[in-house]
Amino acid sequence: MENAVTATHVTETSKFNSQEIFLNTALVWISDSNGIQRLTKILLDAGSERSYIVEDLKNSLELDHKGKEYLVVSTLEHKGKATSREKVEFLLKGTVTDHTTKVRMKHQK
């Protein structure tokens, strides 16, 4: 894999304007609950305070629950309510180097 980090192009359109947004993504190896590695594209958000994994990927990897966390997600227009998120844990490995790191995330339904 020559280019491990890529940019994904997204076009946002609203009634007021249209603009292009580039999102940082990367290809990484993720280990499932049996230690089998799968190539996965991840979205990198340096400004985020939390990391999430979609439920479909969590289920396909058969990741074990590592507890729960309650959080409130609010936007400028809507006051949020407390919701519970299950925590999961897995290993990520780069495609260019052998560096491996343990990741803890909440899964998003």
PDB file of N, CA and C in Angstrom:
ATOM      1  N   MET A   1       0.834  -1.171   0.000  1.00  0.00           N
ATOM      2  CA  MET A   1       0.000   0.000   0.000  1.00  0.00           C
ATOM      3  C   MET A   1       0.879   1.233   0.000  1.00  0.00           C
ATOM      4  N   GLU A   2       0.963   1.879  -1.102  1.00  0.00           N
ATOM      5  CA  GLU A   2       1.820   3.054  -1.206  1.00  0.00           C
ATOM      6  C   GLU A   2       1.331   4.201  -0.349  1.00  0.00           C
ATOM      7  N   ASN A   3       0.080   4.568  -0.465  1.00  0.00           N
ATOM      8  CA  ASN A   3      -0.461   5.712   0.251  1.00  0.00           C
ATOM      9  C   ASN A   3      -1.413   5.227   1.328  1.00  0.00           C
ATOM     10  N   ALA A   4      -0.948   5.204   2.578  1.00  0.00           N
ATOM     11  CA  ALA A   4      -1.780   4.730   3.672  1.00  0.00           C
ATOM     12  C   ALA A   4      -2.797   5.777   4.085  1.00  0.00           C
ATOM     13  N   VAL A   5      -2.467   7.054   3.962  1.00  0.00           N
ATOM     14  CA  VAL A   5      -3.394   8.112   4.336  1.00  0.00           C
ATOM     15  C   VAL A   5      -3.942   8.726   3.063  1.00  0.00           C
ATOM     16  N   THR A   6      -5.248   8.840   3.000  1.00  0.00           N
ATOM     17  CA  THR A   6      -5.888   9.388   1.819  1.00  0.00           C
ATOM     18  C   THR A   6      -6.854  10.493   2.228  1.00  0.00           C
ATOM     19  N   ALA A   7      -7.416  11.165   1.275  1.00  0.00           N
ATOM     20  CA  ALA A   7      -8.452  12.164   1.532  1.00  0.00           C
ATOM     21  C   ALA A   7      -9.706  11.723   0.813  1.00  0.00           C
ATOM     22  N   THR A   8     -10.811  11.761   1.523  1.00  0.00           N
ATOM     23  CA  THR A   8     -12.090  11.420   0.947  1.00  0.00           C
ATOM     24  C   THR A   8     -12.823  12.711   0.617  1.00  0.00           C
ATOM     25  N   HIS A   9     -13.342  12.809  -0.570  1.00  0.00           N
ATOM     26  CA  HIS A   9     -14.001  14.025  -1.044  1.00  0.00           C
ATOM     27  C   HIS A   9     -15.504  13.936  -0.781  1.00  0.00           C
ATOM     28  N   VAL A  10     -16.043  14.958  -0.148  1.00  0.00           N
ATOM     29  CA  VAL A  10     -17.472  15.037   0.131  1.00  0.00           C
ATOM     30  C   VAL A  10     -17.962  16.386  -0.362  1.00  0.00           C
ATOM     31  N   THR A  11     -19.090  16.419  -1.037  1.00  0.00           N
ATOM     32  CA  THR A  11     -19.683  17.686  -1.447  1.00  0.00           C
ATOM     33  C   THR A  11     -20.907  17.948  -0.589  1.00  0.00           C
ATOM     34  N   GLU A  12     -20.909  19.095   0.072  1.00  0.00           N
ATOM     35  CA  GLU A  12     -22.025  19.484   0.926  1.00  0.00           C
ATOM     36  C   GLU A  12     -22.862  20.513   0.172  1.00  0.00           C
ATOM     37  N   THR A  13     -24.156  20.279   0.101  1.00  0.00           N
ATOM     38  CA  THR A  13     -25.033  21.201  -0.616  1.00  0.00           C
ATOM     39  C   THR A  13     -26.182  21.610   0.299  1.00  0.00           C
ATOM     40  N   SER A  14     -26.448  22.869   0.363  1.00  0.00           N
ATOM     41  CA  SER A  14     -27.600  23.360   1.110  1.00  0.00           C
ATOM     42  C   SER A  14     -28.282  24.414   0.257  1.00  0.00           C
ATOM     43  N   LYS A  15     -29.388  24.968   0.752  1.00  0.00           N
ATOM     44  CA  LYS A  15     -30.102  25.973  -0.031  1.00  0.00           C
ATOM     45  C   LYS A  15     -29.337  27.289  -0.091  1.00  0.00           C
ATOM     46  N   PHE A  16     -28.303  27.452   0.768  1.00  0.00           N
ATOM     47  CA  PHE A  16     -27.544  28.697   0.801  1.00  0.00           C
ATOM     48  C   PHE A  16     -26.234  28.641   0.029  1.00  0.00           C
ATOM     49  N   ASN A  17     -25.568  27.479   0.057  1.00  0.00           N
ATOM     50  CA  ASN A  17     -24.285  27.398  -0.639  1.00  0.00           C
ATOM     51  C   ASN A  17     -23.926  25.941  -0.923  1.00  0.00           C
ATOM     52  N   SER A  18     -22.893  25.794  -1.687  1.00  0.00           N
ATOM     53  CA  SER A  18     -22.356  24.475  -1.980  1.00  0.00           C
ATOM     54  C   SER A  18     -20.853  24.563  -1.798  1.00  0.00           C
ATOM     55  N   GLN A  19     -20.314  23.649  -1.011  1.00  0.00           N
ATOM     56  CA  GLN A  19     -18.872  23.670  -0.797  1.00  0.00           C
ATOM     57  C   GLN A  19     -18.329  22.252  -0.744  1.00  0.00           C
ATOM     58  N   GLU A  20     -17.057  22.126  -1.052  1.00  0.00           N
ATOM     59  CA  GLU A  20     -16.410  20.825  -1.011  1.00  0.00           C
ATOM     60  C   GLU A  20     -15.649  20.699   0.295  1.00  0.00           C
ATOM     61  N   ILE A  21     -15.689  19.496   0.864  1.00  0.00           N
ATOM     62  CA  ILE A  21     -15.011  19.211   2.117  1.00  0.00           C
ATOM     63  C   ILE A  21     -14.133  17.987   1.901  1.00  0.00           C
ATOM     64  N   PHE A  22     -12.903  18.056   2.352  1.00  0.00           N
ATOM     65  CA  PHE A  22     -12.001  16.912   2.287  1.00  0.00           C
ATOM     66  C   PHE A  22     -11.824  16.352   3.687  1.00  0.00           C
ATOM     67  N   LEU A  23     -12.042  15.053   3.842  1.00  0.00           N
ATOM     68  CA  LEU A  23     -11.933  14.392   5.132  1.00  0.00           C
ATOM     69  C   LEU A  23     -10.698  13.497   5.127  1.00  0.00           C
ATOM     70  N   ASN A  24      -9.897  13.575   6.197  1.00  0.00           N
ATOM     71  CA  ASN A  24      -8.726  12.715   6.313  1.00  0.00           C
ATOM     72  C   ASN A  24      -9.161  11.302   6.663  1.00  0.00           C
ATOM     73  N   THR A  25      -8.708  10.360   5.874  1.00  0.00           N
ATOM     74  CA  THR A  25      -8.976   8.953   6.147  1.00  0.00           C
ATOM     75  C   THR A  25      -7.665   8.182   6.080  1.00  0.00           C
ATOM     76  N   ALA A  26      -7.671   6.984   6.616  1.00  0.00           N
ATOM     77  CA  ALA A  26      -6.487   6.128   6.558  1.00  0.00           C
ATOM     78  C   ALA A  26      -6.922   4.678   6.467  1.00  0.00           C
ATOM     79  N   LEU A  27      -6.096   3.860   5.846  1.00  0.00           N
ATOM     80  CA  LEU A  27      -6.309   2.416   5.833  1.00  0.00           C
ATOM     81  C   LEU A  27      -5.466   1.817   6.949  1.00  0.00           C
ATOM     82  N   VAL A  28      -6.107   1.021   7.813  1.00  0.00           N
ATOM     83  CA  VAL A  28      -5.413   0.384   8.930  1.00  0.00           C
ATOM     84  C   VAL A  28      -5.878  -1.065   9.033  1.00  0.00           C
ATOM     85  N   TRP A  29      -5.078  -1.843   9.713  1.00  0.00           N
ATOM     86  CA  TRP A  29      -5.481  -3.209  10.045  1.00  0.00           C
ATOM     87  C   TRP A  29      -6.128  -3.162  11.415  1.00  0.00           C
ATOM     88  N   ILE A  30      -7.309  -3.763  11.555  1.00  0.00           N
ATOM     89  CA  ILE A  30      -7.996  -3.837  12.835  1.00  0.00           C
ATOM     90  C   ILE A  30      -8.144  -5.312  13.191  1.00  0.00           C
ATOM     91  N   SER A  31      -7.816  -5.640  14.441  1.00  0.00           N
ATOM     92  CA  SER A  31      -7.888  -7.037  14.885  1.00  0.00           C
ATOM     93  C   SER A  31      -9.248  -7.319  15.492  1.00  0.00           C
ATOM     94  N   ASP A  32      -9.889  -8.404  15.037  1.00  0.00           N
ATOM     95  CA  ASP A  32     -11.176  -8.776  15.617  1.00  0.00           C
ATOM     96  C   ASP A  32     -10.958  -9.540  16.918  1.00  0.00           C
ATOM     97  N   SER A  33     -12.044 -10.021  17.533  1.00  0.00           N
ATOM     98  CA  SER A  33     -11.950 -10.674  18.841  1.00  0.00           C
ATOM     99  C   SER A  33     -11.147 -11.979  18.790  1.00  0.00           C
ATOM    100  N   ASN A  34     -10.945 -12.538  17.589  1.00  0.00           N
ATOM    101  CA  ASN A  34     -10.155 -13.768  17.438  1.00  0.00           C
ATOM    102  C   ASN A  34      -8.722 -13.486  17.000  1.00  0.00           C
ATOM    103  N   GLY A  35      -8.350 -12.197  16.896  1.00  0.00           N
ATOM    104  CA  GLY A  35      -7.001 -11.831  16.496  1.00  0.00           C
ATOM    105  C   GLY A  35      -6.796 -11.786  14.989  1.00  0.00           C
ATOM    106  N   ILE A  36      -7.850 -12.004  14.225  1.00  0.00           N
ATOM    107  CA  ILE A  36      -7.747 -11.955  12.768  1.00  0.00           C
ATOM    108  C   ILE A  36      -7.784 -10.497  12.332  1.00  0.00           C
ATOM    109  N   GLN A  37      -6.826 -10.104  11.485  1.00  0.00           N
ATOM    110  CA  GLN A  37      -6.734  -8.716  11.043  1.00  0.00           C
ATOM    111  C   GLN A  37      -7.550  -8.482   9.788  1.00  0.00           C
ATOM    112  N   ARG A  38      -8.246  -7.325   9.769  1.00  0.00           N
ATOM    113  CA  ARG A  38      -9.042  -6.932   8.606  1.00  0.00           C
ATOM    114  C   ARG A  38      -8.647  -5.517   8.206  1.00  0.00           C
ATOM    115  N   LEU A  39      -8.533  -5.279   6.918  1.00  0.00           N
ATOM    116  CA  LEU A  39      -8.213  -3.952   6.411  1.00  0.00           C
ATOM    117  C   LEU A  39      -9.463  -3.079   6.480  1.00  0.00           C
ATOM    118  N   THR A  40      -9.334  -1.904   7.107  1.00  0.00           N
ATOM    119  CA  THR A  40     -10.482  -1.031   7.357  1.00  0.00           C
ATOM    120  C   THR A  40     -10.095   0.414   7.089  1.00  0.00           C
ATOM    121  N   LYS A  41     -11.012   1.190   6.523  1.00  0.00           N
ATOM    122  CA  LYS A  41     -10.787   2.626   6.341  1.00  0.00           C
ATOM    123  C   LYS A  41     -11.354   3.352   7.554  1.00  0.00           C
ATOM    124  N   ILE A  42     -10.563   4.269   8.129  1.00  0.00           N
ATOM    125  CA  ILE A  42     -11.023   5.038   9.276  1.00  0.00           C
ATOM    126  C   ILE A  42     -11.044   6.516   8.928  1.00  0.00           C
ATOM    127  N   LEU A  43     -11.891   7.260   9.608  1.00  0.00           N
ATOM    128  CA  LEU A  43     -11.991   8.707   9.464  1.00  0.00           C
ATOM    129  C   LEU A  43     -11.212   9.348  10.602  1.00  0.00           C
ATOM    130  N   LEU A  44     -10.303  10.253  10.271  1.00  0.00           N
ATOM    131  CA  LEU A  44      -9.482  10.927  11.277  1.00  0.00           C
ATOM    132  C   LEU A  44     -10.046  12.312  11.545  1.00  0.00           C
ATOM    133  N   ASP A  45     -10.349  12.607  12.804  1.00  0.00           N
ATOM    134  CA  ASP A  45     -10.882  13.905  13.197  1.00  0.00           C
ATOM    135  C   ASP A  45     -10.074  14.409  14.381  1.00  0.00           C
ATOM    136  N   ALA A  46      -9.083  15.243  14.104  1.00  0.00           N
ATOM    137  CA  ALA A  46      -8.171  15.725  15.145  1.00  0.00           C
ATOM    138  C   ALA A  46      -8.877  16.598  16.176  1.00  0.00           C
ATOM    139  N   GLY A  47     -10.025  17.172  15.847  1.00  0.00           N
ATOM    140  CA  GLY A  47     -10.724  18.048  16.770  1.00  0.00           C
ATOM    141  C   GLY A  47     -11.748  17.338  17.639  1.00  0.00           C
ATOM    142  N   SER A  48     -11.919  16.056  17.462  1.00  0.00           N
ATOM    143  CA  SER A  48     -12.940  15.322  18.196  1.00  0.00           C
ATOM    144  C   SER A  48     -12.481  14.961  19.596  1.00  0.00           C
ATOM    145  N   GLU A  49     -13.406  14.975  20.537  1.00  0.00           N
ATOM    146  CA  GLU A  49     -13.109  14.566  21.910  1.00  0.00           C
ATOM    147  C   GLU A  49     -13.421  13.100  22.144  1.00  0.00           C
ATOM    148  N   ARG A  50     -14.132  12.473  21.247  1.00  0.00           N
ATOM    149  CA  ARG A  50     -14.518  11.076  21.373  1.00  0.00           C
ATOM    150  C   ARG A  50     -14.239  10.355  20.057  1.00  0.00           C
ATOM    151  N   SER A  51     -14.137   9.041  20.145  1.00  0.00           N
ATOM    152  CA  SER A  51     -14.000   8.199  18.963  1.00  0.00           C
ATOM    153  C   SER A  51     -15.136   7.198  18.956  1.00  0.00           C
ATOM    154  N   TYR A  52     -15.673   6.915  17.770  1.00  0.00           N
ATOM    155  CA  TYR A  52     -16.814   6.023  17.642  1.00  0.00           C
ATOM    156  C   TYR A  52     -16.562   4.973  16.583  1.00  0.00           C
ATOM    157  N   ILE A  53     -17.219   3.839  16.749  1.00  0.00           N
ATOM    158  CA  ILE A  53     -17.198   2.767  15.766  1.00  0.00           C
ATOM    159  C   ILE A  53     -18.657   2.442  15.453  1.00  0.00           C
ATOM    160  N   VAL A  54     -18.986   2.240  14.194  1.00  0.00           N
ATOM    161  CA  VAL A  54     -20.370   1.938  13.839  1.00  0.00           C
ATOM    162  C   VAL A  54     -20.724   0.527  14.305  1.00  0.00           C
ATOM    163  N   GLU A  55     -21.990   0.342  14.628  1.00  0.00           N
ATOM    164  CA  GLU A  55     -22.439  -0.929  15.200  1.00  0.00           C
ATOM    165  C   GLU A  55     -22.199  -2.107  14.252  1.00  0.00           C
ATOM    166  N   ASP A  56     -22.396  -1.902  12.943  1.00  0.00           N
ATOM    167  CA  ASP A  56     -22.179  -2.991  11.984  1.00  0.00           C
ATOM    168  C   ASP A  56     -20.751  -3.520  12.053  1.00  0.00           C
ATOM    169  N   LEU A  57     -19.763  -2.610  12.137  1.00  0.00           N
ATOM    170  CA  LEU A  57     -18.366  -3.043  12.220  1.00  0.00           C
ATOM    171  C   LEU A  57     -18.093  -3.714  13.560  1.00  0.00           C
ATOM    172  N   LYS A  58     -18.623  -3.152  14.638  1.00  0.00           N
ATOM    173  CA  LYS A  58     -18.453  -3.755  15.971  1.00  0.00           C
ATOM    174  C   LYS A  58     -18.978  -5.179  15.976  1.00  0.00           C
ATOM    175  N   ASN A  59     -20.159  -5.374  15.379  1.00  0.00           N
ATOM    176  CA  ASN A  59     -20.752  -6.713  15.350  1.00  0.00           C
ATOM    177  C   ASN A  59     -19.975  -7.661  14.453  1.00  0.00           C
ATOM    178  N   SER A  60     -19.530  -7.188  13.286  1.00  0.00           N
ATOM    179  CA  SER A  60     -18.800  -8.075  12.376  1.00  0.00           C
ATOM    180  C   SER A  60     -17.445  -8.485  12.954  1.00  0.00           C
ATOM    181  N   LEU A  61     -16.860  -7.621  13.781  1.00  0.00           N
ATOM    182  CA  LEU A  61     -15.596  -7.947  14.437  1.00  0.00           C
ATOM    183  C   LEU A  61     -15.799  -8.744  15.722  1.00  0.00           C
ATOM    184  N   GLU A  62     -17.071  -8.882  16.138  1.00  0.00           N
ATOM    185  CA  GLU A  62     -17.425  -9.593  17.372  1.00  0.00           C
ATOM    186  C   GLU A  62     -16.657  -9.037  18.573  1.00  0.00           C
ATOM    187  N   LEU A  63     -16.646  -7.704  18.690  1.00  0.00           N
ATOM    188  CA  LEU A  63     -15.932  -7.056  19.785  1.00  0.00           C
ATOM    189  C   LEU A  63     -16.713  -7.174  21.088  1.00  0.00           C
ATOM    190  N   ASP A  64     -16.001  -7.474  22.175  1.00  0.00           N
ATOM    191  CA  ASP A  64     -16.623  -7.597  23.487  1.00  0.00           C
ATOM    192  C   ASP A  64     -16.881  -6.221  24.081  1.00  0.00           C
ATOM    193  N   HIS A  65     -17.940  -6.121  24.886  1.00  0.00           N
ATOM    194  CA  HIS A  65     -18.265  -4.873  25.580  1.00  0.00           C
ATOM    195  C   HIS A  65     -17.300  -4.681  26.744  1.00  0.00           C
ATOM    196  N   LYS A  66     -16.833  -3.470  26.946  1.00  0.00           N
ATOM    197  CA  LYS A  66     -15.913  -3.139  28.041  1.00  0.00           C
ATOM    198  C   LYS A  66     -16.542  -2.113  28.974  1.00  0.00           C
ATOM    199  N   GLY A  67     -17.863  -2.171  29.136  1.00  0.00           N
ATOM    200  CA  GLY A  67     -18.557  -1.235  30.010  1.00  0.00           C
ATOM    201  C   GLY A  67     -19.420  -0.279  29.213  1.00  0.00           C
ATOM    202  N   LYS A  68     -20.025   0.691  29.935  1.00  0.00           N
ATOM    203  CA  LYS A  68     -20.901   1.685  29.308  1.00  0.00           C
ATOM    204  C   LYS A  68     -20.498   3.077  29.751  1.00  0.00           C
ATOM    205  N   GLU A  69     -20.887   4.038  28.953  1.00  0.00           N
ATOM    206  CA  GLU A  69     -20.680   5.440  29.286  1.00  0.00           C
ATOM    207  C   GLU A  69     -21.936   6.190  28.889  1.00  0.00           C
ATOM    208  N   TYR A  70     -22.333   7.148  29.716  1.00  0.00           N
ATOM    209  CA  TYR A  70     -23.481   7.987  29.404  1.00  0.00           C
ATOM    210  C   TYR A  70     -22.977   9.346  28.951  1.00  0.00           C
ATOM    211  N   LEU A  71     -23.546   9.854  27.868  1.00  0.00           N
ATOM    212  CA  LEU A  71     -23.151  11.157  27.397  1.00  0.00           C
ATOM    213  C   LEU A  71     -24.334  11.894  26.814  1.00  0.00           C
ATOM    214  N   VAL A  72     -24.193  13.213  26.770  1.00  0.00           N
ATOM    215  CA  VAL A  72     -25.220  14.080  26.203  1.00  0.00           C
ATOM    216  C   VAL A  72     -24.636  14.729  24.965  1.00  0.00           C
ATOM    217  N   VAL A  73     -25.304  14.561  23.841  1.00  0.00           N
ATOM    218  CA  VAL A  73     -24.867  15.165  22.590  1.00  0.00           C
ATOM    219  C   VAL A  73     -25.854  16.281  22.254  1.00  0.00           C
ATOM    220  N   SER A  74     -25.358  17.524  22.195  1.00  0.00           N
ATOM    221  CA  SER A  74     -26.201  18.679  21.890  1.00  0.00           C
ATOM    222  C   SER A  74     -25.653  19.397  20.667  1.00  0.00           C
ATOM    223  N   THR A  75     -26.540  20.053  19.952  1.00  0.00           N
ATOM    224  CA  THR A  75     -26.136  20.888  18.827  1.00  0.00           C
ATOM    225  C   THR A  75     -26.600  22.304  19.122  1.00  0.00           C
ATOM    226  N   LEU A  76     -26.300  23.216  18.235  1.00  0.00           N
ATOM    227  CA  LEU A  76     -26.729  24.600  18.437  1.00  0.00           C
ATOM    228  C   LEU A  76     -28.249  24.717  18.441  1.00  0.00           C
ATOM    229  N   GLU A  77     -28.917  23.858  17.688  1.00  0.00           N
ATOM    230  CA  GLU A  77     -30.363  23.951  17.558  1.00  0.00           C
ATOM    231  C   GLU A  77     -31.141  23.044  18.504  1.00  0.00           C
ATOM    232  N   HIS A  78     -30.527  21.997  19.008  1.00  0.00           N
ATOM    233  CA  HIS A  78     -31.252  21.017  19.814  1.00  0.00           C
ATOM    234  C   HIS A  78     -30.498  20.699  21.099  1.00  0.00           C
ATOM    235  N   LYS A  79     -31.233  20.729  22.196  1.00  0.00           N
ATOM    236  CA  LYS A  79     -30.665  20.317  23.471  1.00  0.00           C
ATOM    237  C   LYS A  79     -30.667  18.793  23.516  1.00  0.00           C
ATOM    238  N   GLY A  80     -29.550  18.220  23.875  1.00  0.00           N
ATOM    239  CA  GLY A  80     -29.419  16.773  23.853  1.00  0.00           C
ATOM    240  C   GLY A  80     -29.974  16.114  25.095  1.00  0.00           C
ATOM    241  N   LYS A  81     -30.126  14.808  25.026  1.00  0.00           N
ATOM    242  CA  LYS A  81     -30.525  14.023  26.179  1.00  0.00           C
ATOM    243  C   LYS A  81     -29.479  12.945  26.404  1.00  0.00           C
ATOM    244  N   ALA A  82     -29.394  12.463  27.623  1.00  0.00           N
ATOM    245  CA  ALA A  82     -28.389  11.459  27.969  1.00  0.00           C
ATOM    246  C   ALA A  82     -28.684  10.147  27.251  1.00  0.00           C
ATOM    247  N   THR A  83     -27.671   9.599  26.624  1.00  0.00           N
ATOM    248  CA  THR A  83     -27.779   8.293  25.983  1.00  0.00           C
ATOM    249  C   THR A  83     -26.614   7.435  26.441  1.00  0.00           C
ATOM    250  N   SER A  84     -26.813   6.150  26.394  1.00  0.00           N
ATOM    251  CA  SER A  84     -25.767   5.232  26.828  1.00  0.00           C
ATOM    252  C   SER A  84     -25.048   4.672  25.604  1.00  0.00           C
ATOM    253  N   ARG A  85     -23.745   4.548  25.705  1.00  0.00           N
ATOM    254  CA  ARG A  85     -22.916   3.967  24.645  1.00  0.00           C
ATOM    255  C   ARG A  85     -22.055   2.873  25.259  1.00  0.00           C
ATOM    256  N   GLU A  86     -22.008   1.728  24.577  1.00  0.00           N
ATOM    257  CA  GLU A  86     -21.141   0.648  25.031  1.00  0.00           C
ATOM    258  C   GLU A  86     -19.713   0.930  24.599  1.00  0.00           C
ATOM    259  N   LYS A  87     -18.760   0.632  25.470  1.00  0.00           N
ATOM    260  CA  LYS A  87     -17.349   0.793  25.130  1.00  0.00           C
ATOM    261  C   LYS A  87     -16.818  -0.517  24.569  1.00  0.00           C
ATOM    262  N   VAL A  88     -15.950  -0.415  23.565  1.00  0.00           N
ATOM    263  CA  VAL A  88     -15.279  -1.581  22.993  1.00  0.00           C
ATOM    264  C   VAL A  88     -13.783  -1.287  22.908  1.00  0.00           C
ATOM    265  N   GLU A  89     -13.012  -2.333  22.733  1.00  0.00           N
ATOM    266  CA  GLU A  89     -11.554  -2.190  22.680  1.00  0.00           C
ATOM    267  C   GLU A  89     -11.016  -3.117  21.594  1.00  0.00           C
ATOM    268  N   PHE A  90     -10.020  -2.641  20.844  1.00  0.00           N
ATOM    269  CA  PHE A  90      -9.426  -3.450  19.784  1.00  0.00           C
ATOM    270  C   PHE A  90      -8.040  -2.911  19.469  1.00  0.00           C
ATOM    271  N   LEU A  91      -7.307  -3.624  18.633  1.00  0.00           N
ATOM    272  CA  LEU A  91      -5.969  -3.208  18.212  1.00  0.00           C
ATOM    273  C   LEU A  91      -6.007  -2.684  16.784  1.00  0.00           C
ATOM    274  N   LEU A  92      -5.304  -1.570  16.553  1.00  0.00           N
ATOM    275  CA  LEU A  92      -5.104  -1.022  15.214  1.00  0.00           C
ATOM    276  C   LEU A  92      -3.633  -1.143  14.860  1.00  0.00           C
ATOM    277  N   LYS A  93      -3.359  -1.484  13.602  1.00  0.00           N
ATOM    278  CA  LYS A  93      -1.982  -1.588  13.127  1.00  0.00           C
ATOM    279  C   LYS A  93      -1.881  -0.853  11.803  1.00  0.00           C
ATOM    280  N   GLY A  94      -0.834  -0.080  11.635  1.00  0.00           N
ATOM    281  CA  GLY A  94      -0.631   0.664  10.399  1.00  0.00           C
ATOM    282  C   GLY A  94      -0.361  -0.247   9.222  1.00  0.00           C
ATOM    283  N   THR A  95      -0.589   0.272   8.029  1.00  0.00           N
ATOM    284  CA  THR A  95      -0.318  -0.506   6.820  1.00  0.00           C
ATOM    285  C   THR A  95       1.101  -0.297   6.315  1.00  0.00           C
ATOM    286  N   VAL A  96       1.756   0.775   6.773  1.00  0.00           N
ATOM    287  CA  VAL A  96       3.113   1.074   6.317  1.00  0.00           C
ATOM    288  C   VAL A  96       4.145   0.601   7.340  1.00  0.00           C
ATOM    289  N   THR A  97       3.825   0.754   8.623  1.00  0.00           N
ATOM    290  CA  THR A  97       4.739   0.325   9.686  1.00  0.00           C
ATOM    291  C   THR A  97       4.081  -0.787  10.486  1.00  0.00           C
ATOM    292  N   ASP A  98       4.838  -1.384  11.388  1.00  0.00           N
ATOM    293  CA  ASP A  98       4.297  -2.435  12.255  1.00  0.00           C
ATOM    294  C   ASP A  98       3.790  -1.874  13.578  1.00  0.00           C
ATOM    295  N   HIS A  99       3.686  -0.538  13.684  1.00  0.00           N
ATOM    296  CA  HIS A  99       3.213   0.068  14.931  1.00  0.00           C
ATOM    297  C   HIS A  99       1.775  -0.367  15.215  1.00  0.00           C
ATOM    298  N   THR A 100       1.536  -0.833  16.432  1.00  0.00           N
ATOM    299  CA  THR A 100       0.208  -1.266  16.856  1.00  0.00           C
ATOM    300  C   THR A 100      -0.190  -0.473  18.087  1.00  0.00           C
ATOM    301  N   THR A 101      -1.469  -0.096  18.177  1.00  0.00           N
ATOM    302  CA  THR A 101      -1.963   0.624  19.340  1.00  0.00           C
ATOM    303  C   THR A 101      -3.328   0.084  19.746  1.00  0.00           C
ATOM    304  N   LYS A 102      -3.574   0.063  21.058  1.00  0.00           N
ATOM    305  CA  LYS A 102      -4.869  -0.359  21.574  1.00  0.00           C
ATOM    306  C   LYS A 102      -5.806   0.841  21.547  1.00  0.00           C
ATOM    307  N   VAL A 103      -7.021   0.630  21.067  1.00  0.00           N
ATOM    308  CA  VAL A 103      -8.002   1.703  20.925  1.00  0.00           C
ATOM    309  C   VAL A 103      -9.244   1.360  21.732  1.00  0.00           C
ATOM    310  N   ARG A 104      -9.743   2.339  22.464  1.00  0.00           N
ATOM    311  CA  ARG A 104     -11.017   2.195  23.182  1.00  0.00           C
ATOM    312  C   ARG A 104     -12.009   3.149  22.555  1.00  0.00           C
ATOM    313  N   MET A 105     -13.173   2.645  22.193  1.00  0.00           N
ATOM    314  CA  MET A 105     -14.195   3.463  21.523  1.00  0.00           C
ATOM    315  C   MET A 105     -15.567   3.149  22.050  1.00  0.00           C
ATOM    316  N   LYS A 106     -16.480   4.066  21.736  1.00  0.00           N
ATOM    317  CA  LYS A 106     -17.898   3.844  21.981  1.00  0.00           C
ATOM    318  C   LYS A 106     -18.506   3.451  20.649  1.00  0.00           C
ATOM    319  N   HIS A 107     -19.447   2.524  20.671  1.00  0.00           N
ATOM    320  CA  HIS A 107     -20.063   2.182  19.380  1.00  0.00           C
ATOM    321  C   HIS A 107     -21.309   3.014  19.189  1.00  0.00           C
ATOM    322  N   GLN A 108     -21.500   3.447  17.958  1.00  0.00           N
ATOM    323  CA  GLN A 108     -22.590   4.326  17.550  1.00  0.00           C
ATOM    324  C   GLN A 108     -23.614   3.523  16.788  1.00  0.00           C
ATOM    325  N   LYS A 109     -24.857   3.551  17.238  1.00  0.00           N
ATOM    326  CA  LYS A 109     -25.927   2.807  16.550  1.00  0.00           C
ATOM    327  C   LYS A 109     -26.350   3.521  15.298  1.00  0.00           C
TER     328      LYS A 109
END
